């Protein structure tokens, strides 16, 4: 296997095999950019019962933008293994390969059980040890489990854009990251801080790790976590509740529905709880979904309190907002609006007829949108920045049967690790969850098989009704959980303004993405924008910097 890194073969890997393979995978997130080159930055052997696999660090450069580092474990699969992989996991195959007198394939080694077992073995061999340019560590719990169980079963659980997940006896989960960085990995950093420093029990606990040293600096390749009971995720659960909600909508007469929806709506800063609504409305919305939204709000509020709990740790101590920081926020928002509105004008003709007029109306209110966003800079805000999740959505919530667990703290995958580790307002996470309720709410309606297309047009407005109140129940519980916290502004108007700002930022970004790639989904960010840009907005003057 070592001959695949000989000069001639290595050149073919870098110029032909690896570029072709990366562009075929669904996890190579930057393939929309024009790739310039791939080079093997570093490598390390991983001994197997027969032969070796190689862990490769790949530096990918682009025609525009900074280079990025990805990792890939390559391994040789014999003819019998190749047939199974070709049938079950064609996405794992890099190329056909002749190794000595044996024919087979070069593949992504994480799909092979022997590679999965080798990673576990190396991690549990010693509590902490180095082997060549690889470093392994594990907790006593993982080491003890490995000693007591001689036949641990491994299984590739998921292969996402960001990592491959391998389970071991359903008791431990190894996350092997696709894209890596020489900076600290925020996913592992945040989960370890929450579970070990802050005592927050609703995240998977750290159990081990593997690093590769490159240029003397460690690069985290993968992290082992203690398993949590998995009874689905937040998105799956919510889609089931939406299906039940649609059934209730269809079962009621127009007069019954009119009575149930003609109720106060509340606001972002003063949301309503389920018990604040009439019985008819509570029964229409459904108590099970409302209770899950309430639990989510409580746990995420507790998570933010835990992330703000150590004022002595430089990487986690809360920091005050400043006018300079607020001005930089607005500058970024200005650029977003300018770029998005240019793109939206180009793509108007791709839109469904029923939403084109609404998009044209929003395009005509560009100045109002900018004026709303300028409020983030109208005065110094009395609030603080903390470390946040950074990519919060219903898919990141695991249902454990009795409670929830929050996972995947890696942050915005389009940003570098160092950018993801910056402190921000936790209201960004809150806005992300509200956005998620809207997206999943509309997905449940748009993909239902309970109604015809004509009937869908009639009931689709109830998607906004459902998303508004569910996100309100979430928000109500969140604000109770973070009451009197320094990272939440004390003034209700400031809280409302910040939430509207972060929601607008997300919705404008989404609107641009959907116009380019999924025109039928434009209605979701459009609904969020319309809910905020509802009336002429007074001009906001800029304060002086002091």
Protein backbone atom coordinates (compact mmCIF):
# COMPACT_ATOMS: atom_id res chain seq x y z
CA UNK A 1 0.00 0.00 0.00
CA UNK A 2 2.95 2.32 0.64
CA UNK A 3 3.65 2.43 -3.10
CA UNK A 4 0.58 4.65 -3.66
CA UNK A 5 2.62 7.52 -2.26
CA UNK A 6 5.64 6.92 -4.48
CA UNK A 7 6.53 9.83 -6.74
CA UNK A 8 4.73 8.77 -9.91
CA UNK A 9 1.61 7.47 -8.16
CA UNK A 10 1.48 10.46 -5.82
CA UNK A 11 1.50 12.83 -8.78
CA UNK A 12 -1.39 10.92 -10.39
CA UNK A 13 -3.28 11.07 -7.10
CA UNK A 14 -2.82 14.82 -6.81
CA UNK A 15 -3.55 15.70 -10.45
CA UNK A 16 -6.22 13.19 -11.44
CA UNK A 17 -7.60 10.73 -8.86
CA UNK A 18 -8.19 13.09 -5.91
CA UNK A 19 -9.62 16.04 -7.91
CA UNK A 20 -12.03 13.72 -9.73
CA UNK A 21 -13.07 12.05 -6.50
CA UNK A 22 -13.62 15.23 -4.47
CA UNK A 23 -15.79 16.73 -7.19
CA UNK A 24 -17.97 13.60 -7.12
CA UNK A 25 -18.56 13.64 -3.39
CA UNK A 26 -21.47 15.40 -1.71
CA UNK A 27 -19.29 16.51 1.23
CA UNK A 28 -16.82 18.63 -0.69
CA UNK A 29 -18.65 21.82 0.14
CA UNK A 30 -16.46 24.15 -1.91
CA UNK A 31 -16.90 22.36 -5.25
CA UNK A 32 -18.90 25.35 -6.53
CA UNK A 33 -15.56 27.16 -6.64
CA UNK A 34 -13.05 26.48 -9.38
CA UNK A 35 -10.39 24.19 -7.96
CA UNK A 36 -6.82 25.06 -8.93
CA UNK A 37 -4.85 22.21 -7.36
CA UNK A 38 -4.69 19.50 -4.70
CA UNK A 39 -1.50 18.60 -2.87
CA UNK A 40 -0.90 15.98 -0.18
CA UNK A 41 0.25 18.20 2.66
CA UNK A 42 0.99 15.38 5.09
CA UNK A 43 0.22 11.71 5.60
CA UNK A 44 0.38 9.01 8.23
CA UNK A 45 0.05 5.21 8.01
CA UNK A 46 -2.67 3.41 9.94
CA UNK A 47 -1.70 -0.23 10.44
CA UNK A 48 -4.41 -2.78 9.66
CA UNK A 49 -4.48 -6.55 10.30
CA UNK A 50 -3.38 -6.90 6.67
CA UNK A 51 -1.51 -3.95 5.16
CA UNK A 52 -2.08 -0.29 5.95
CA UNK A 53 -4.38 2.59 5.26
CA UNK A 54 -3.12 6.15 4.94
CA UNK A 55 -4.53 9.28 6.53
CA UNK A 56 -3.97 12.12 4.06
CA UNK A 57 -4.08 15.84 4.69
CA UNK A 58 -5.08 17.49 1.42
CA UNK A 59 -4.50 21.16 0.71
CA UNK A 60 -7.00 22.40 -1.88
CA UNK A 61 -6.36 25.71 -3.61
CA UNK A 62 -8.93 27.65 -5.64
CA UNK A 63 -8.90 30.19 -8.43
CA UNK A 64 -10.29 32.64 -5.87
CA UNK A 65 -10.14 32.57 -2.08
CA UNK A 66 -7.87 30.98 0.48
CA UNK A 67 -6.70 27.34 0.38
CA UNK A 68 -8.41 24.82 2.66
CA UNK A 69 -7.38 21.55 4.28
CA UNK A 70 -9.38 18.34 4.03
CA UNK A 71 -8.57 14.89 5.30
CA UNK A 72 -9.17 11.54 3.68
CA UNK A 73 -8.26 8.02 4.75
CA UNK A 74 -7.38 5.96 1.69
CA UNK A 75 -7.27 2.17 1.79
CA UNK A 76 -7.05 -0.76 -0.59
CA UNK A 77 -10.16 -2.93 -0.88
CA UNK A 78 -9.78 -6.38 -2.41
CA UNK A 79 -12.00 -7.62 -5.22
CA UNK A 80 -14.55 -9.17 -2.83
CA UNK A 81 -14.74 -5.99 -0.72
CA UNK A 82 -14.84 -3.87 -3.88
CA UNK A 83 -17.96 -5.63 -5.15
CA UNK A 84 -19.81 -4.91 -1.91
CA UNK A 85 -18.67 -1.28 -1.78
CA UNK A 86 -19.59 -0.74 -5.42
CA UNK A 87 -23.09 -1.99 -4.68
CA UNK A 88 -23.68 -0.43 -1.24
CA UNK A 89 -21.43 2.65 -1.10
CA UNK A 90 -20.32 3.75 -4.59
CA UNK A 91 -19.50 7.18 -3.16
CA UNK A 92 -16.56 5.57 -1.29
CA UNK A 93 -14.64 4.51 -4.42
CA UNK A 94 -11.72 6.63 -5.63
CA UNK A 95 -10.28 4.46 -8.43
CA UNK A 96 -9.45 0.95 -9.57
CA UNK A 97 -6.09 -0.20 -8.23
CA UNK A 98 -3.59 -2.97 -8.95
CA UNK A 99 -1.62 -3.80 -5.81
CA UNK A 100 1.08 -6.30 -6.68
CA UNK A 101 -0.76 -9.20 -8.29
CA UNK A 102 -4.10 -8.32 -6.70
CA UNK A 103 -6.85 -6.23 -8.26
CA UNK A 104 -9.17 -4.06 -6.21
CA UNK A 105 -10.07 -0.45 -5.58
CA UNK A 106 -8.71 2.56 -3.75
CA UNK A 107 -11.46 3.72 -1.41
CA UNK A 108 -12.40 6.01 1.46
CA UNK A 109 -11.13 3.85 4.32
CA UNK A 110 -13.79 4.99 6.78
CA UNK A 111 -16.22 2.70 4.95
CA UNK A 112 -14.10 -0.38 5.83
CA UNK A 113 -14.69 -2.17 9.18
CA UNK A 114 -10.95 -2.89 9.60
CA UNK A 115 -10.17 0.85 9.41
CA UNK A 116 -12.95 1.65 11.88
CA UNK A 117 -11.56 -0.96 14.28
CA UNK A 118 -7.97 0.24 13.84
CA UNK A 119 -8.94 3.78 14.86
CA UNK A 120 -10.63 2.48 18.01
CA UNK A 121 -7.69 0.22 18.83
CA UNK A 122 -5.11 3.00 18.45
CA UNK A 123 -7.22 5.37 20.53
CA UNK A 124 -7.64 2.91 23.41
CA UNK A 125 -4.14 1.39 23.31
CA UNK A 126 -2.91 3.95 25.86
CA UNK A 127 -4.59 6.82 27.65
CA UNK A 128 -2.45 9.31 25.70
CA UNK A 129 0.32 8.44 23.27
CA UNK A 130 2.00 9.55 20.07
CA UNK A 131 2.73 7.35 17.09
CA UNK A 132 4.76 9.02 14.36
CA UNK A 133 2.93 12.24 13.52
CA UNK A 134 -0.35 10.96 15.00
CA UNK A 135 -1.45 11.50 18.60
CA UNK A 136 -4.22 9.50 20.30
CA UNK A 137 -5.99 10.00 23.59
CA UNK A 138 -8.98 8.50 25.38
CA UNK A 139 -10.81 8.85 28.68
CA UNK A 140 -10.80 6.12 31.35
CA UNK A 141 -14.40 5.29 30.48
CA UNK A 142 -13.55 4.46 26.85
CA UNK A 143 -10.36 2.60 27.80
CA UNK A 144 -12.25 0.57 30.41
CA UNK A 145 -15.02 -0.29 27.98
CA UNK A 146 -12.48 -1.50 25.40
CA UNK A 147 -10.76 -3.73 27.99
CA UNK A 148 -14.05 -5.30 29.08
CA UNK A 149 -15.46 -5.90 25.58
CA UNK A 150 -13.34 -7.97 23.24
CA UNK A 151 -15.66 -7.81 20.22
CA UNK A 152 -16.83 -4.22 19.81
CA UNK A 153 -19.02 -3.77 16.74
CA UNK A 154 -18.44 -0.72 14.57
CA UNK A 155 -20.85 0.75 12.07
CA UNK A 156 -20.75 3.78 9.79
CA UNK A 157 -23.77 5.73 11.05
CA UNK A 158 -23.80 8.86 8.90
CA UNK A 159 -21.67 10.54 6.27
CA UNK A 160 -22.53 14.24 6.20
CA UNK A 161 -20.97 17.28 4.59
CA UNK A 162 -18.95 17.93 7.73
CA UNK A 163 -17.96 14.58 9.20
CA UNK A 164 -18.31 10.81 9.10
CA UNK A 165 -19.90 9.30 12.21
CA UNK A 166 -18.95 5.76 13.28
CA UNK A 167 -20.70 4.08 16.20
CA UNK A 168 -19.13 1.46 18.46
CA UNK A 169 -21.69 -0.85 20.11
CA UNK A 170 -24.02 2.18 20.02
CA UNK A 171 -22.17 3.27 23.18
CA UNK A 172 -19.60 5.60 21.60
CA UNK A 173 -19.55 7.72 18.47
CA UNK A 174 -16.46 8.75 16.51
CA UNK A 175 -16.76 11.94 14.46
CA UNK A 176 -14.07 12.10 11.76
CA UNK A 177 -14.08 15.59 10.26
CA UNK A 178 -13.91 16.15 6.52
CA UNK A 179 -12.59 19.72 6.56
CA UNK A 180 -9.92 20.44 9.17
CA UNK A 181 -7.89 23.42 10.31
CA UNK A 182 -4.73 24.20 12.24
CA UNK A 183 -6.77 26.30 14.67
CA UNK A 184 -8.71 24.88 17.63
CA UNK A 185 -11.75 22.88 16.55
CA UNK A 186 -14.77 24.68 18.08
CA UNK A 187 -16.95 21.54 18.10
CA UNK A 188 -14.70 19.69 20.53
CA UNK A 189 -13.74 22.86 22.42
CA UNK A 190 -17.34 23.84 23.17
CA UNK A 191 -18.66 20.37 24.01
CA UNK A 192 -15.74 19.76 26.39
CA UNK A 193 -16.20 23.14 28.07
CA UNK A 194 -19.92 22.57 28.50
CA UNK A 195 -19.68 19.04 29.88
CA UNK A 196 -16.40 19.24 31.82
CA UNK A 197 -16.14 22.87 32.96
CA UNK A 198 -19.74 24.05 33.13
CA UNK A 199 -21.41 20.77 34.08
CA UNK A 200 -24.01 21.13 31.33
CA UNK A 201 -25.44 17.61 30.89
CA UNK A 202 -27.24 18.03 27.58
CA UNK A 203 -24.29 17.51 25.20
CA UNK A 204 -22.39 14.33 24.24
CA UNK A 205 -19.36 13.94 26.53
CA UNK A 206 -15.77 13.77 25.26
CA UNK A 207 -14.24 10.27 25.22
CA UNK A 208 -11.15 10.51 23.01
CA UNK A 209 -9.43 12.15 20.05
CA UNK A 210 -6.92 11.70 17.27
CA UNK A 211 -4.65 14.51 16.03
CA UNK A 212 -2.09 14.77 13.27
CA UNK A 213 0.94 17.00 13.74
CA UNK A 214 1.78 19.06 10.68
CA UNK A 215 4.52 21.67 10.83
CA UNK A 216 4.72 21.06 14.58
CA UNK A 217 1.06 22.04 15.12
CA UNK A 218 -1.70 19.56 16.00
CA UNK A 219 -4.71 19.27 13.69
CA UNK A 220 -7.73 17.54 15.18
CA UNK A 221 -8.87 14.78 12.84
CA UNK A 222 -11.57 13.12 14.90
CA UNK A 223 -13.22 13.05 18.30
CA UNK A 224 -14.85 10.19 20.18
CA UNK A 225 -17.94 11.00 22.22
CA UNK A 226 -19.96 9.01 24.70
CA UNK A 227 -23.12 7.82 23.03
CA UNK A 228 -26.50 9.26 23.91
CA UNK A 229 -29.81 7.51 23.43
CA UNK A 230 -31.12 8.49 20.02
CA UNK A 231 -34.86 8.53 19.40
CA UNK A 232 -34.70 10.71 16.32
CA UNK A 233 -33.83 14.38 15.95
CA UNK A 234 -35.75 17.60 16.41
CA UNK A 235 -36.58 17.97 12.73
CA UNK A 236 -38.05 14.47 12.41
CA UNK A 237 -40.14 14.99 15.54
CA UNK A 238 -41.41 18.37 14.40
CA UNK A 239 -42.35 17.06 10.95
CA UNK A 240 -44.49 14.40 12.66
CA UNK A 241 -46.22 17.10 14.73
CA UNK A 242 -46.84 19.17 11.59
CA UNK A 243 -48.44 16.16 9.95
CA UNK A 244 -50.76 15.88 12.96
CA UNK A 245 -51.44 19.63 12.76
CA UNK A 246 -52.44 19.36 9.09
CA UNK A 247 -54.86 16.57 10.01
CA UNK A 248 -56.49 18.85 12.59
CA UNK A 249 -56.70 21.72 10.10
CA UNK A 250 -58.42 19.49 7.54
CA UNK A 251 -60.83 18.11 10.16
CA UNK A 252 -62.14 21.57 11.16
CA UNK A 253 -64.69 23.75 9.42
CA UNK A 254 -63.77 27.21 8.14
CA UNK A 255 -65.68 28.86 11.00
CA UNK A 256 -63.85 26.72 13.59
CA UNK A 257 -60.50 27.58 12.03
CA UNK A 258 -61.36 31.27 11.88
CA UNK A 259 -62.12 31.25 15.62
CA UNK A 260 -58.94 29.32 16.48
CA UNK A 261 -56.58 31.60 14.55
CA UNK A 262 -58.19 34.93 15.50
CA UNK A 263 -56.00 35.33 18.61
CA UNK A 264 -53.21 37.63 19.84
CA UNK A 265 -49.84 36.88 18.20
CA UNK A 266 -47.34 38.22 20.71
CA UNK A 267 -43.93 39.57 19.62
CA UNK A 268 -40.37 38.30 19.52
CA UNK A 269 -39.54 40.08 22.77
CA UNK A 270 -42.89 39.39 24.43
CA UNK A 271 -43.97 35.98 23.08
CA UNK A 272 -46.96 33.98 24.22
CA UNK A 273 -46.93 30.63 26.01
CA UNK A 274 -49.39 27.90 25.04
CA UNK A 275 -51.51 28.60 28.14
CA UNK A 276 -51.91 32.23 27.07
CA UNK A 277 -54.06 31.07 24.13
CA UNK A 278 -57.74 30.01 24.08
CA UNK A 279 -58.47 26.30 24.40
CA UNK A 280 -59.57 26.08 20.74
CA UNK A 281 -56.21 27.43 19.60
CA UNK A 282 -54.27 25.17 21.97
CA UNK A 283 -56.08 22.11 20.62
CA UNK A 284 -55.46 23.14 17.02
CA UNK A 285 -51.72 23.72 17.54
CA UNK A 286 -51.26 20.60 19.64
CA UNK A 287 -49.74 20.30 23.14
CA UNK A 288 -47.01 17.76 22.23
CA UNK A 289 -45.26 20.00 19.74
CA UNK A 290 -45.69 23.02 22.03
CA UNK A 291 -44.10 21.13 24.93
CA UNK A 292 -41.09 20.15 22.79
CA UNK A 293 -40.65 23.77 21.69
CA UNK A 294 -40.80 24.84 25.34
CA UNK A 295 -38.16 22.26 26.31
CA UNK A 296 -35.90 23.41 23.48
CA UNK A 297 -36.15 27.01 24.65
CA UNK A 298 -35.29 26.05 28.21
CA UNK A 299 -32.30 23.88 27.29
CA UNK A 300 -30.83 26.36 24.82
CA UNK A 301 -31.21 29.13 27.37
CA UNK A 302 -29.42 26.95 29.93
CA UNK A 303 -26.72 26.22 27.34
CA UNK A 304 -26.10 29.94 26.82
CA UNK A 305 -25.91 30.51 30.57
CA UNK A 306 -23.35 27.71 30.81
CA UNK A 307 -21.28 29.17 27.94
CA UNK A 308 -21.23 32.53 29.78
CA UNK A 309 -20.42 31.03 33.18
CA UNK A 310 -16.61 31.41 33.32
CA UNK A 311 -15.49 35.03 33.46
CA UNK A 312 -11.86 33.97 34.09
CA UNK A 313 -11.38 31.87 30.94
CA UNK A 314 -10.17 34.17 28.13
CA UNK A 315 -11.79 32.06 25.43
CA UNK A 316 -15.17 32.05 27.19
CA UNK A 317 -15.41 35.22 29.30
CA UNK A 318 -18.33 37.42 28.13
CA UNK A 319 -17.37 40.67 26.39
CA UNK A 320 -19.34 43.91 26.18
CA UNK A 321 -20.75 45.27 22.94
CA UNK A 322 -19.19 48.50 21.69
CA UNK A 323 -20.23 51.04 19.08
CA UNK A 324 -17.18 50.07 17.01
CA UNK A 325 -18.32 46.45 17.04
CA UNK A 326 -21.91 47.43 16.27
CA UNK A 327 -20.71 49.60 13.36
CA UNK A 328 -18.79 46.64 11.94
CA UNK A 329 -21.95 44.53 12.20
CA UNK A 330 -23.87 47.09 10.19
CA UNK A 331 -21.11 47.30 7.56
CA UNK A 332 -21.40 43.57 7.02
CA UNK A 333 -25.18 43.80 6.81
CA UNK A 334 -24.91 46.61 4.25
CA UNK A 335 -22.69 44.44 2.04
CA UNK A 336 -25.10 41.52 2.40
CA UNK A 337 -28.08 43.62 1.30
CA UNK A 338 -26.22 45.12 -1.65
CA UNK A 339 -25.02 41.76 -2.98
CA UNK A 340 -28.34 40.00 -2.32
CA UNK A 341 -30.50 42.64 -3.99
CA UNK A 342 -28.34 42.57 -7.12
CA UNK A 343 -28.74 38.79 -7.31
CA UNK A 344 -32.48 38.94 -6.63
CA UNK A 345 -33.10 41.30 -9.53
CA UNK A 346 -31.32 38.86 -11.87
CA UNK A 347 -33.39 35.87 -10.75
CA UNK A 348 -36.92 37.28 -10.54
CA UNK A 349 -38.14 35.42 -13.62
CA UNK A 350 -37.30 32.05 -12.05
CA UNK A 351 -39.84 32.56 -9.26
CA UNK A 352 -43.27 30.94 -8.95
CA UNK A 353 -46.02 33.40 -9.88
CA UNK A 354 -47.55 33.38 -6.38
CA UNK A 355 -44.41 34.80 -4.73
CA UNK A 356 -42.88 36.99 -7.45
CA UNK A 357 -44.99 40.03 -6.54
CA UNK A 358 -44.00 39.72 -2.87
CA UNK A 359 -40.30 39.57 -3.77
CA UNK A 360 -40.68 42.61 -6.02
CA UNK A 361 -42.30 44.43 -3.09
CA UNK A 362 -39.35 43.59 -0.82
CA UNK A 363 -36.91 44.67 -3.53
CA UNK A 364 -38.73 47.99 -3.66
CA UNK A 365 -38.17 48.49 0.07
CA UNK A 366 -34.39 48.21 0.09
CA UNK A 367 -34.02 51.52 1.94
CA UNK A 368 -36.49 50.38 4.60
CA UNK A 369 -34.56 47.14 5.08
CA UNK A 370 -31.29 49.06 5.44
CA UNK A 371 -32.90 51.46 7.89
CA UNK A 372 -34.12 48.56 10.01
CA UNK A 373 -30.64 47.05 10.01
CA UNK A 374 -29.06 50.42 10.88
CA UNK A 375 -30.78 50.27 14.29
CA UNK A 376 -28.02 47.88 15.43
CA UNK A 377 -25.80 50.97 15.37
CA UNK A 378 -28.22 53.61 16.69
CA UNK A 379 -26.83 53.51 20.25
CA UNK A 380 -24.43 51.46 22.35
CA UNK A 381 -26.24 48.30 23.40
CA UNK A 382 -26.03 47.22 27.02
CA UNK A 383 -25.42 43.55 26.36
CA UNK A 384 -22.57 41.07 25.95
CA UNK A 385 -21.07 38.65 23.46
CA UNK A 386 -20.36 35.05 24.40
CA UNK A 387 -19.35 31.85 22.65
CA UNK A 388 -22.36 30.39 20.86
CA UNK A 389 -23.35 27.22 19.00
CA UNK A 390 -23.18 29.02 15.66
CA UNK A 391 -25.17 26.60 13.49
CA UNK A 392 -28.24 25.84 15.57
CA UNK A 393 -31.22 24.17 13.90
CA UNK A 394 -33.70 21.41 14.68
CA UNK A 395 -31.47 18.78 13.02
CA UNK A 396 -28.82 19.46 15.68
CA UNK A 397 -31.19 18.43 18.49
CA UNK A 398 -31.16 14.75 19.50
CA UNK A 399 -34.18 13.30 21.28
CA UNK A 400 -32.96 11.00 24.05
CA UNK A 401 -36.33 9.66 25.15
CA UNK A 402 -36.43 11.57 28.44
CA UNK A 403 -34.88 14.85 27.30
CA UNK A 404 -32.71 16.28 24.51
CA UNK A 405 -29.01 16.55 23.68
CA UNK A 406 -27.49 19.35 21.59
CA UNK A 407 -24.78 18.33 19.13
CA UNK A 408 -22.47 19.64 16.40
CA UNK A 409 -20.97 22.81 17.84
CA UNK A 410 -18.71 23.29 14.80
CA UNK A 411 -20.38 26.57 13.84
CA UNK A 412 -20.92 28.04 10.38
CA UNK A 413 -19.20 25.63 7.97
CA UNK A 414 -18.51 28.44 5.48
CA UNK A 415 -16.20 30.16 7.99
CA UNK A 416 -12.72 29.27 9.23
CA UNK A 417 -12.26 27.76 12.69
CA UNK A 418 -10.85 31.04 14.01
CA UNK A 419 -13.92 32.96 12.76
CA UNK A 420 -16.28 30.39 14.27
CA UNK A 421 -14.60 30.86 17.68
CA UNK A 422 -15.38 34.58 17.82
CA UNK A 423 -17.81 35.68 20.52
CA UNK A 424 -21.20 36.80 19.28
CA UNK A 425 -24.64 37.55 20.64
CA UNK A 426 -26.46 34.33 21.62
CA UNK A 427 -29.51 35.89 19.99
CA UNK A 428 -27.93 34.70 16.73
CA UNK A 429 -28.58 31.13 17.92
CA UNK A 430 -32.12 32.10 18.87
CA UNK A 431 -32.76 33.61 15.44
CA UNK A 432 -31.35 30.44 13.86
CA UNK A 433 -33.83 28.31 15.79
CA UNK A 434 -36.76 30.54 14.81
CA UNK A 435 -35.64 30.25 11.21
CA UNK A 436 -35.49 26.47 11.60
CA UNK A 437 -39.07 26.33 12.89
CA UNK A 438 -40.21 28.24 9.80
CA UNK A 439 -38.25 26.10 7.34
CA UNK A 440 -39.37 22.80 8.87
CA UNK A 441 -42.93 24.10 9.20
CA UNK A 442 -43.15 24.92 5.51
CA UNK A 443 -41.39 21.68 4.57
CA UNK A 444 -44.08 19.73 6.40
CA UNK A 445 -46.79 21.47 4.40
CA UNK A 446 -45.08 21.51 1.01
CA UNK A 447 -44.28 17.78 1.17
CA UNK A 448 -47.50 16.51 2.70
CA UNK A 449 -49.41 13.80 0.86
CA UNK A 450 -52.67 14.56 2.67
CA UNK A 451 -53.93 17.15 0.19
CA UNK A 452 -53.94 17.90 -3.53
CA UNK A 453 -51.94 20.79 -4.95
CA UNK A 454 -55.11 22.91 -5.11
CA UNK A 455 -55.96 22.22 -1.46
CA UNK A 456 -52.36 22.95 -0.47
CA UNK A 457 -52.76 26.53 -1.69
CA UNK A 458 -55.76 26.86 0.64
CA UNK A 459 -54.07 25.49 3.77
CA UNK A 460 -50.51 26.80 3.24
CA UNK A 461 -51.14 30.00 5.27
CA UNK A 462 -51.46 27.75 8.34
CA UNK A 463 -47.75 26.91 7.98
CA UNK A 464 -46.89 30.47 8.99
CA UNK A 465 -49.45 30.29 11.81
CA UNK A 466 -47.86 27.10 13.15
CA UNK A 467 -44.26 28.36 12.80
CA UNK A 468 -45.06 31.68 14.45
CA UNK A 469 -46.59 30.14 17.57
CA UNK A 470 -44.10 27.28 17.90
CA UNK A 471 -41.17 29.69 17.69
CA UNK A 472 -43.04 31.87 20.18
CA UNK A 473 -43.36 28.99 22.68
CA UNK A 474 -39.64 28.35 22.20
CA UNK A 475 -38.88 32.04 22.71
CA UNK A 476 -41.07 32.32 25.81
CA UNK A 477 -39.24 29.45 27.53
CA UNK A 478 -35.84 30.76 26.41
CA UNK A 479 -36.42 34.20 27.90
CA UNK A 480 -37.50 32.63 31.19
CA UNK A 481 -34.32 30.53 31.24
CA UNK A 482 -31.97 33.49 30.60
CA UNK A 483 -33.78 36.08 32.71
CA UNK A 484 -31.40 38.75 34.11
CA UNK A 485 -28.44 37.38 32.09
CA UNK A 486 -25.90 39.97 30.96
CA UNK A 487 -25.98 38.70 27.36
CA UNK A 488 -29.67 39.63 26.97
CA UNK A 489 -30.52 43.35 26.77
CA UNK A 490 -32.71 44.48 29.65
CA UNK A 491 -34.77 46.81 27.44
CA UNK A 492 -37.56 45.05 25.54
CA UNK A 493 -37.15 47.37 22.53
CA UNK A 494 -33.44 46.52 22.27
CA UNK A 495 -34.21 42.80 22.49
CA UNK A 496 -36.85 43.10 19.75
CA UNK A 497 -34.50 45.10 17.54
CA UNK A 498 -31.60 42.65 17.90
CA UNK A 499 -33.78 39.63 17.17
CA UNK A 500 -35.25 41.35 14.11
CA UNK A 501 -31.75 42.27 12.92
CA UNK A 502 -30.39 38.72 13.17
CA UNK A 503 -33.55 37.25 11.64
CA UNK A 504 -33.35 39.69 8.73
CA UNK A 505 -29.69 38.81 8.22
CA UNK A 506 -30.52 35.10 8.02
CA UNK A 507 -33.61 35.60 5.88
CA UNK A 508 -31.84 37.83 3.35
CA UNK A 509 -29.01 35.30 3.08
CA UNK A 510 -31.55 32.49 2.63
CA UNK A 511 -33.56 34.48 0.08
CA UNK A 512 -30.45 34.92 -2.03
CA UNK A 513 -29.59 31.22 -1.78
CA UNK A 514 -33.10 30.07 -2.63
CA UNK A 515 -33.37 32.43 -5.61
CA UNK A 516 -30.18 30.90 -7.00
CA UNK A 517 -30.85 27.25 -6.21
CA UNK A 518 -34.43 26.50 -5.01
CA UNK A 519 -36.92 29.12 -6.26
CA UNK A 520 -39.90 27.18 -4.86
CA UNK A 521 -38.53 27.68 -1.32
CA UNK A 522 -38.27 31.47 -1.57
CA UNK A 523 -41.57 31.74 0.32
CA UNK A 524 -39.89 30.74 3.62
CA UNK A 525 -37.31 33.55 4.00
CA UNK A 526 -39.79 35.87 2.28
CA UNK A 527 -42.33 35.24 5.05
CA UNK A 528 -39.75 36.07 7.72
CA UNK A 529 -38.74 39.28 5.95
CA UNK A 530 -42.37 40.35 5.51
CA UNK A 531 -43.08 39.71 9.20
CA UNK A 532 -40.46 42.33 10.08
CA UNK A 533 -40.72 44.81 7.19
CA UNK A 534 -44.42 45.49 7.63
CA UNK A 535 -44.67 49.29 7.71
CA UNK A 536 -42.72 52.38 6.65
CA UNK A 537 -39.61 52.57 8.81
CA UNK A 538 -38.45 55.84 10.36
CA UNK A 539 -34.98 57.00 9.32
CA UNK A 540 -32.35 56.18 11.93
CA UNK A 541 -29.47 58.58 12.40
CA UNK A 542 -25.96 57.39 13.14
CA UNK A 543 -24.43 58.08 16.58
CA UNK A 544 -21.01 59.52 17.10
CA UNK A 545 -18.26 57.10 18.02
CA UNK A 546 -16.74 57.84 21.41
